[in-house]
Amino acid sequence: MPDNDAFIELATHPNEMEAQMTAQLLRENGVGAYVQPVGYGYTIYGVTPFIPHRVMIYEPNLKRAQAILGDGEWDEAE
């Protein structure tokens, strides 16, 4: 991965389950994604799933991810 490319936030969901569903849909379509809690998601018991979570992707995959989620167009040649 080149140094100038970074992970960016694609979407924020109200809970971990919805964020994981989005990330899984992206992964099934070839876009790497991971889920991260927003703010103070960590407690003495671990991460609480009932706070907002964001879906993070590799920045060059933005157009493709948006097309998969129905937010834009993507040309496979890109």
PDB file of N, CA and C in Angstrom:
ATOM      1  N   MET A   1       0.845  -1.170   0.000  1.00  0.00           N
ATOM      2  CA  MET A   1       0.000   0.000   0.000  1.00  0.00           C
ATOM      3  C   MET A   1       0.894   1.239   0.000  1.00  0.00           C
ATOM      4  N   PRO A   2       0.714   2.163  -0.955  1.00  0.00           N
ATOM      5  CA  PRO A   2       1.519   3.385  -0.987  1.00  0.00           C
ATOM      6  C   PRO A   2       1.300   4.240   0.256  1.00  0.00           C
ATOM      7  N   ASP A   3       2.319   4.967   0.664  1.00  0.00           N
ATOM      8  CA  ASP A   3       2.240   5.782   1.867  1.00  0.00           C
ATOM      9  C   ASP A   3       1.206   6.896   1.776  1.00  0.00           C
ATOM     10  N   ASN A   4       0.955   7.429   0.558  1.00  0.00           N
ATOM     11  CA  ASN A   4       0.054   8.563   0.443  1.00  0.00           C
ATOM     12  C   ASN A   4      -1.418   8.158   0.401  1.00  0.00           C
ATOM     13  N   ASP A   5      -1.711   6.880   0.346  1.00  0.00           N
ATOM     14  CA  ASP A   5      -3.091   6.423   0.372  1.00  0.00           C
ATOM     15  C   ASP A   5      -3.469   6.083   1.813  1.00  0.00           C
ATOM     16  N   ALA A   6      -4.708   6.341   2.132  1.00  0.00           N
ATOM     17  CA  ALA A   6      -5.132   6.142   3.512  1.00  0.00           C
ATOM     18  C   ALA A   6      -6.507   5.508   3.560  1.00  0.00           C
ATOM     19  N   PHE A   7      -6.866   5.078   4.750  1.00  0.00           N
ATOM     20  CA  PHE A   7      -8.224   4.613   4.976  1.00  0.00           C
ATOM     21  C   PHE A   7      -9.096   5.821   5.264  1.00  0.00           C
ATOM     22  N   ILE A   8     -10.316   5.797   4.751  1.00  0.00           N
ATOM     23  CA  ILE A   8     -11.252   6.889   4.968  1.00  0.00           C
ATOM     24  C   ILE A   8     -12.569   6.330   5.477  1.00  0.00           C
ATOM     25  N   GLU A   9     -13.359   7.195   6.086  1.00  0.00           N
ATOM     26  CA  GLU A   9     -14.678   6.805   6.572  1.00  0.00           C
ATOM     27  C   GLU A   9     -15.660   6.842   5.416  1.00  0.00           C
ATOM     28  N   LEU A  10     -16.317   5.730   5.168  1.00  0.00           N
ATOM     29  CA  LEU A  10     -17.319   5.654   4.111  1.00  0.00           C
ATOM     30  C   LEU A  10     -18.704   5.966   4.653  1.00  0.00           C
ATOM     31  N   ALA A  11     -19.037   5.438   5.817  1.00  0.00           N
ATOM     32  CA  ALA A  11     -20.373   5.620   6.379  1.00  0.00           C
ATOM     33  C   ALA A  11     -20.316   5.448   7.887  1.00  0.00           C
ATOM     34  N   THR A  12     -21.286   6.040   8.567  1.00  0.00           N
ATOM     35  CA  THR A  12     -21.450   5.845  10.001  1.00  0.00           C
ATOM     36  C   THR A  12     -22.850   5.303  10.237  1.00  0.00           C
ATOM     37  N   HIS A  13     -22.937   4.282  11.071  1.00  0.00           N
ATOM     38  CA  HIS A  13     -24.209   3.646  11.394  1.00  0.00           C
ATOM     39  C   HIS A  13     -24.486   3.792  12.886  1.00  0.00           C
ATOM     40  N   PRO A  14     -25.755   3.722  13.289  1.00  0.00           N
ATOM     41  CA  PRO A  14     -26.085   3.919  14.705  1.00  0.00           C
ATOM     42  C   PRO A  14     -25.641   2.789  15.637  1.00  0.00           C
ATOM     43  N   ASN A  15     -25.275   1.635  15.063  1.00  0.00           N
ATOM     44  CA  ASN A  15     -24.820   0.532  15.912  1.00  0.00           C
ATOM     45  C   ASN A  15     -23.863  -0.362  15.121  1.00  0.00           C
ATOM     46  N   GLU A  16     -23.202  -1.259  15.831  1.00  0.00           N
ATOM     47  CA  GLU A  16     -22.196  -2.116  15.210  1.00  0.00           C
ATOM     48  C   GLU A  16     -22.799  -3.092  14.202  1.00  0.00           C
ATOM     49  N   MET A  17     -23.977  -3.632  14.484  1.00  0.00           N
ATOM     50  CA  MET A  17     -24.569  -4.621  13.595  1.00  0.00           C
ATOM     51  C   MET A  17     -24.799  -4.042  12.190  1.00  0.00           C
ATOM     52  N   GLU A  18     -25.347  -2.847  12.102  1.00  0.00           N
ATOM     53  CA  GLU A  18     -25.585  -2.241  10.793  1.00  0.00           C
ATOM     54  C   GLU A  18     -24.266  -1.944  10.081  1.00  0.00           C
ATOM     55  N   ALA A  19     -23.277  -1.491  10.831  1.00  0.00           N
ATOM     56  CA  ALA A  19     -21.971  -1.210  10.236  1.00  0.00           C
ATOM     57  C   ALA A  19     -21.326  -2.496   9.718  1.00  0.00           C
ATOM     58  N   GLN A  20     -21.444  -3.587  10.476  1.00  0.00           N
ATOM     59  CA  GLN A  20     -20.873  -4.870  10.046  1.00  0.00           C
ATOM     60  C   GLN A  20     -21.571  -5.387   8.792  1.00  0.00           C
ATOM     61  N   MET A  21     -22.874  -5.151   8.685  1.00  0.00           N
ATOM     62  CA  MET A  21     -23.607  -5.585   7.496  1.00  0.00           C
ATOM     63  C   MET A  21     -23.106  -4.844   6.258  1.00  0.00           C
ATOM     64  N   THR A  22     -22.869  -3.551   6.387  1.00  0.00           N
ATOM     65  CA  THR A  22     -22.339  -2.769   5.266  1.00  0.00           C
ATOM     66  C   THR A  22     -20.939  -3.249   4.903  1.00  0.00           C
ATOM     67  N   ALA A  23     -20.098  -3.441   5.908  1.00  0.00           N
ATOM     68  CA  ALA A  23     -18.727  -3.900   5.656  1.00  0.00           C
ATOM     69  C   ALA A  23     -18.728  -5.268   4.980  1.00  0.00           C
ATOM     70  N   GLN A  24     -19.606  -6.161   5.413  1.00  0.00           N
ATOM     71  CA  GLN A  24     -19.679  -7.490   4.812  1.00  0.00           C
ATOM     72  C   GLN A  24     -20.107  -7.414   3.347  1.00  0.00           C
ATOM     73  N   LEU A  25     -21.079  -6.572   3.037  1.00  0.00           N
ATOM     74  CA  LEU A  25     -21.519  -6.387   1.658  1.00  0.00           C
ATOM     75  C   LEU A  25     -20.359  -5.900   0.787  1.00  0.00           C
ATOM     76  N   LEU A  26     -19.573  -4.976   1.307  1.00  0.00           N
ATOM     77  CA  LEU A  26     -18.414  -4.483   0.563  1.00  0.00           C
ATOM     78  C   LEU A  26     -17.386  -5.596   0.356  1.00  0.00           C
ATOM     79  N   ARG A  27     -17.087  -6.344   1.413  1.00  0.00           N
ATOM     80  CA  ARG A  27     -16.103  -7.431   1.307  1.00  0.00           C
ATOM     81  C   ARG A  27     -16.539  -8.483   0.296  1.00  0.00           C
ATOM     82  N   GLU A  28     -17.824  -8.810   0.292  1.00  0.00           N
ATOM     83  CA  GLU A  28     -18.336  -9.799  -0.658  1.00  0.00           C
ATOM     84  C   GLU A  28     -18.188  -9.334  -2.104  1.00  0.00           C
ATOM     85  N   ASN A  29     -18.052  -8.038  -2.299  1.00  0.00           N
ATOM     86  CA  ASN A  29     -17.907  -7.465  -3.633  1.00  0.00           C
ATOM     87  C   ASN A  29     -16.486  -6.978  -3.906  1.00  0.00           C
ATOM     88  N   GLY A  30     -15.532  -7.446  -3.118  1.00  0.00           N
ATOM     89  CA  GLY A  30     -14.125  -7.182  -3.385  1.00  0.00           C
ATOM     90  C   GLY A  30     -13.550  -5.898  -2.840  1.00  0.00           C
ATOM     91  N   VAL A  31     -14.255  -5.222  -1.953  1.00  0.00           N
ATOM     92  CA  VAL A  31     -13.731  -3.987  -1.349  1.00  0.00           C
ATOM     93  C   VAL A  31     -13.442  -4.265   0.118  1.00  0.00           C
ATOM     94  N   GLY A  32     -12.191  -4.154   0.492  1.00  0.00           N
ATOM     95  CA  GLY A  32     -11.826  -4.362   1.886  1.00  0.00           C
ATOM     96  C   GLY A  32     -12.420  -3.279   2.766  1.00  0.00           C
ATOM     97  N   ALA A  33     -12.952  -3.667   3.903  1.00  0.00           N
ATOM     98  CA  ALA A  33     -13.568  -2.717   4.824  1.00  0.00           C
ATOM     99  C   ALA A  33     -13.449  -3.239   6.240  1.00  0.00           C
ATOM    100  N   TYR A  34     -13.407  -2.312   7.187  1.00  0.00           N
ATOM    101  CA  TYR A  34     -13.435  -2.712   8.586  1.00  0.00           C
ATOM    102  C   TYR A  34     -14.312  -1.739   9.359  1.00  0.00           C
ATOM    103  N   VAL A  35     -14.733  -2.144  10.544  1.00  0.00           N
ATOM    104  CA  VAL A  35     -15.650  -1.365  11.365  1.00  0.00           C
ATOM    105  C   VAL A  35     -14.912  -0.855  12.594  1.00  0.00           C
ATOM    106  N   GLN A  36     -15.202   0.397  12.948  1.00  0.00           N
ATOM    107  CA  GLN A  36     -14.525   1.036  14.071  1.00  0.00           C
ATOM    108  C   GLN A  36     -15.556   1.798  14.909  1.00  0.00           C
ATOM    109  N   PRO A  37     -15.535   1.651  16.241  1.00  0.00           N
ATOM    110  CA  PRO A  37     -16.476   2.412  17.068  1.00  0.00           C
ATOM    111  C   PRO A  37     -16.152   3.898  17.027  1.00  0.00           C
ATOM    112  N   VAL A  38     -17.174   4.719  17.146  1.00  0.00           N
ATOM    113  CA  VAL A  38     -17.004   6.173  17.150  1.00  0.00           C
ATOM    114  C   VAL A  38     -16.974   6.648  18.598  1.00  0.00           C
ATOM    115  N   GLY A  39     -16.034   7.482  18.907  1.00  0.00           N
ATOM    116  CA  GLY A  39     -15.960   8.055  20.251  1.00  0.00           C
ATOM    117  C   GLY A  39     -15.475   7.048  21.275  1.00  0.00           C
ATOM    118  N   TYR A  40     -16.107   7.085  22.433  1.00  0.00           N
ATOM    119  CA  TYR A  40     -15.691   6.245  23.551  1.00  0.00           C
ATOM    120  C   TYR A  40     -16.449   4.928  23.528  1.00  0.00           C
ATOM    121  N   GLY A  41     -16.102   4.082  22.573  1.00  0.00           N
ATOM    122  CA  GLY A  41     -16.793   2.810  22.433  1.00  0.00           C
ATOM    123  C   GLY A  41     -16.255   1.726  23.335  1.00  0.00           C
ATOM    124  N   TYR A  42     -15.102   1.966  23.920  1.00  0.00           N
ATOM    125  CA  TYR A  42     -14.470   0.932  24.736  1.00  0.00           C
ATOM    126  C   TYR A  42     -14.828   1.123  26.205  1.00  0.00           C
ATOM    127  N   THR A  43     -15.217   0.037  26.837  1.00  0.00           N
ATOM    128  CA  THR A  43     -15.540   0.067  28.262  1.00  0.00           C
ATOM    129  C   THR A  43     -14.703  -1.003  28.943  1.00  0.00           C
ATOM    130  N   ILE A  44     -14.905  -1.178  30.217  1.00  0.00           N
ATOM    131  CA  ILE A  44     -14.141  -2.223  30.920  1.00  0.00           C
ATOM    132  C   ILE A  44     -14.549  -3.609  30.446  1.00  0.00           C
ATOM    133  N   TYR A  45     -15.685  -3.709  29.759  1.00  0.00           N
ATOM    134  CA  TYR A  45     -16.163  -4.987  29.249  1.00  0.00           C
ATOM    135  C   TYR A  45     -15.841  -5.178  27.767  1.00  0.00           C
ATOM    136  N   GLY A  46     -15.136  -4.248  27.167  1.00  0.00           N
ATOM    137  CA  GLY A  46     -14.834  -4.315  25.738  1.00  0.00           C
ATOM    138  C   GLY A  46     -15.574  -3.211  24.994  1.00  0.00           C
ATOM    139  N   VAL A  47     -15.928  -3.470  23.760  1.00  0.00           N
ATOM    140  CA  VAL A  47     -16.614  -2.479  22.937  1.00  0.00           C
ATOM    141  C   VAL A  47     -18.113  -2.707  23.028  1.00  0.00           C
ATOM    142  N   THR A  48     -18.851  -1.652  23.264  1.00  0.00           N
ATOM    143  CA  THR A  48     -20.303  -1.793  23.287  1.00  0.00           C
ATOM    144  C   THR A  48     -20.842  -1.688  21.859  1.00  0.00           C
ATOM    145  N   PRO A  49     -21.690  -2.591  21.442  1.00  0.00           N
ATOM    146  CA  PRO A  49     -22.201  -2.568  20.075  1.00  0.00           C
ATOM    147  C   PRO A  49     -23.321  -1.557  19.868  1.00  0.00           C
ATOM    148  N   PHE A  50     -23.772  -0.906  20.929  1.00  0.00           N
ATOM    149  CA  PHE A  50     -24.937  -0.032  20.834  1.00  0.00           C
ATOM    150  C   PHE A  50     -24.586   1.446  20.736  1.00  0.00           C
ATOM    151  N   ILE A  51     -23.431   1.738  20.195  1.00  0.00           N
ATOM    152  CA  ILE A  51     -23.026   3.117  19.919  1.00  0.00           C
ATOM    153  C   ILE A  51     -22.731   3.216  18.419  1.00  0.00           C
ATOM    154  N   PRO A  52     -22.624   4.428  17.889  1.00  0.00           N
ATOM    155  CA  PRO A  52     -22.305   4.550  16.457  1.00  0.00           C
ATOM    156  C   PRO A  52     -20.971   3.890  16.105  1.00  0.00           C
ATOM    157  N   HIS A  53     -20.953   3.277  14.940  1.00  0.00           N
ATOM    158  CA  HIS A  53     -19.740   2.655  14.387  1.00  0.00           C
ATOM    159  C   HIS A  53     -19.580   3.141  12.952  1.00  0.00           C
ATOM    160  N   ARG A  54     -18.343   3.298  12.527  1.00  0.00           N
ATOM    161  CA  ARG A  54     -18.089   3.742  11.150  1.00  0.00           C
ATOM    162  C   ARG A  54     -17.460   2.623  10.336  1.00  0.00           C
ATOM    163  N   VAL A  55     -17.735   2.673   9.041  1.00  0.00           N
ATOM    164  CA  VAL A  55     -17.162   1.728   8.093  1.00  0.00           C
ATOM    165  C   VAL A  55     -16.001   2.425   7.403  1.00  0.00           C
ATOM    166  N   MET A  56     -14.834   1.828   7.489  1.00  0.00           N
ATOM    167  CA  MET A  56     -13.615   2.397   6.922  1.00  0.00           C
ATOM    168  C   MET A  56     -13.189   1.580   5.703  1.00  0.00           C
ATOM    169  N   ILE A  57     -12.737   2.286   4.652  1.00  0.00           N
ATOM    170  CA  ILE A  57     -12.263   1.623   3.437  1.00  0.00           C
ATOM    171  C   ILE A  57     -10.972   2.279   2.977  1.00  0.00           C
ATOM    172  N   TYR A  58     -10.267   1.584   2.104  1.00  0.00           N
ATOM    173  CA  TYR A  58      -9.064   2.100   1.476  1.00  0.00           C
ATOM    174  C   TYR A  58      -9.497   3.175   0.473  1.00  0.00           C
ATOM    175  N   GLU A  59      -8.944   4.365   0.555  1.00  0.00           N
ATOM    176  CA  GLU A  59      -9.406   5.519  -0.219  1.00  0.00           C
ATOM    177  C   GLU A  59      -9.553   5.294  -1.725  1.00  0.00           C
ATOM    178  N   PRO A  60      -8.637   4.602  -2.400  1.00  0.00           N
ATOM    179  CA  PRO A  60      -8.820   4.389  -3.842  1.00  0.00           C
ATOM    180  C   PRO A  60     -10.068   3.576  -4.204  1.00  0.00           C
ATOM    181  N   ASN A  61     -10.670   2.898  -3.249  1.00  0.00           N
ATOM    182  CA  ASN A  61     -11.876   2.111  -3.507  1.00  0.00           C
ATOM    183  C   ASN A  61     -13.171   2.889  -3.300  1.00  0.00           C
ATOM    184  N   LEU A  62     -13.088   4.197  -3.091  1.00  0.00           N
ATOM    185  CA  LEU A  62     -14.267   4.983  -2.751  1.00  0.00           C
ATOM    186  C   LEU A  62     -15.369   4.896  -3.812  1.00  0.00           C
ATOM    187  N   LYS A  63     -15.044   5.129  -5.070  1.00  0.00           N
ATOM    188  CA  LYS A  63     -16.069   5.108  -6.123  1.00  0.00           C
ATOM    189  C   LYS A  63     -16.719   3.736  -6.232  1.00  0.00           C
ATOM    190  N   ARG A  64     -15.909   2.709  -6.157  1.00  0.00           N
ATOM    191  CA  ARG A  64     -16.449   1.350  -6.247  1.00  0.00           C
ATOM    192  C   ARG A  64     -17.367   1.045  -5.068  1.00  0.00           C
ATOM    193  N   ALA A  65     -16.955   1.433  -3.868  1.00  0.00           N
ATOM    194  CA  ALA A  65     -17.770   1.198  -2.678  1.00  0.00           C
ATOM    195  C   ALA A  65     -19.091   1.952  -2.763  1.00  0.00           C
ATOM    196  N   GLN A  66     -19.057   3.190  -3.233  1.00  0.00           N
ATOM    197  CA  GLN A  66     -20.286   3.964  -3.373  1.00  0.00           C
ATOM    198  C   GLN A  66     -21.230   3.309  -4.372  1.00  0.00           C
ATOM    199  N   ALA A  67     -20.689   2.770  -5.450  1.00  0.00           N
ATOM    200  CA  ALA A  67     -21.519   2.096  -6.454  1.00  0.00           C
ATOM    201  C   ALA A  67     -22.145   0.832  -5.870  1.00  0.00           C
ATOM    202  N   ILE A  68     -21.391   0.087  -5.081  1.00  0.00           N
ATOM    203  CA  ILE A  68     -21.913  -1.135  -4.459  1.00  0.00           C
ATOM    204  C   ILE A  68     -23.071  -0.803  -3.529  1.00  0.00           C
ATOM    205  N   LEU A  69     -22.947   0.302  -2.817  1.00  0.00           N
ATOM    206  CA  LEU A  69     -23.993   0.692  -1.872  1.00  0.00           C
ATOM    207  C   LEU A  69     -25.120   1.476  -2.543  1.00  0.00           C
ATOM    208  N   GLY A  70     -24.993   1.700  -3.855  1.00  0.00           N
ATOM    209  CA  GLY A  70     -26.046   2.401  -4.567  1.00  0.00           C
ATOM    210  C   GLY A  70     -25.954   3.909  -4.494  1.00  0.00           C
ATOM    211  N   ASP A  71     -24.776   4.435  -4.144  1.00  0.00           N
ATOM    212  CA  ASP A  71     -24.600   5.884  -4.010  1.00  0.00           C
ATOM    213  C   ASP A  71     -23.858   6.506  -5.180  1.00  0.00           C
ATOM    214  N   GLY A  72     -23.581   5.757  -6.216  1.00  0.00           N
ATOM    215  CA  GLY A  72     -22.832   6.319  -7.334  1.00  0.00           C
ATOM    216  C   GLY A  72     -22.646   5.293  -8.427  1.00  0.00           C
ATOM    217  N   GLU A  73     -21.925   5.694  -9.466  1.00  0.00           N
ATOM    218  CA  GLU A  73     -21.644   4.818 -10.585  1.00  0.00           C
ATOM    219  C   GLU A  73     -20.188   4.404 -10.528  1.00  0.00           C
ATOM    220  N   TRP A  74     -19.926   3.192 -10.997  1.00  0.00           N
ATOM    221  CA  TRP A  74     -18.562   2.687 -11.008  1.00  0.00           C
ATOM    222  C   TRP A  74     -18.341   1.948 -12.302  1.00  0.00           C
ATOM    223  N   ASP A  75     -17.222   2.251 -12.942  1.00  0.00           N
ATOM    224  CA  ASP A  75     -16.828   1.589 -14.170  1.00  0.00           C
ATOM    225  C   ASP A  75     -15.710   0.636 -13.818  1.00  0.00           C
ATOM    226  N   GLU A  76     -15.870  -0.645 -14.107  1.00  0.00           N
ATOM    227  CA  GLU A  76     -14.872  -1.656 -13.717  1.00  0.00           C
ATOM    228  C   GLU A  76     -13.493  -1.344 -14.259  1.00  0.00           C
ATOM    229  N   ALA A  77     -13.400  -0.557 -15.338  1.00  0.00           N
ATOM    230  CA  ALA A  77     -12.108  -0.216 -15.929  1.00  0.00           C
ATOM    231  C   ALA A  77     -11.324   0.757 -15.050  1.00  0.00           C
ATOM    232  N   GLU A  78     -11.973   1.410 -14.095  1.00  0.00           N
ATOM    233  CA  GLU A  78     -11.277   2.377 -13.243  1.00  0.00           C
ATOM    234  C   GLU A  78     -10.355   1.701 -12.279  1.00  0.00           C
TER     235      GLU A  78
END
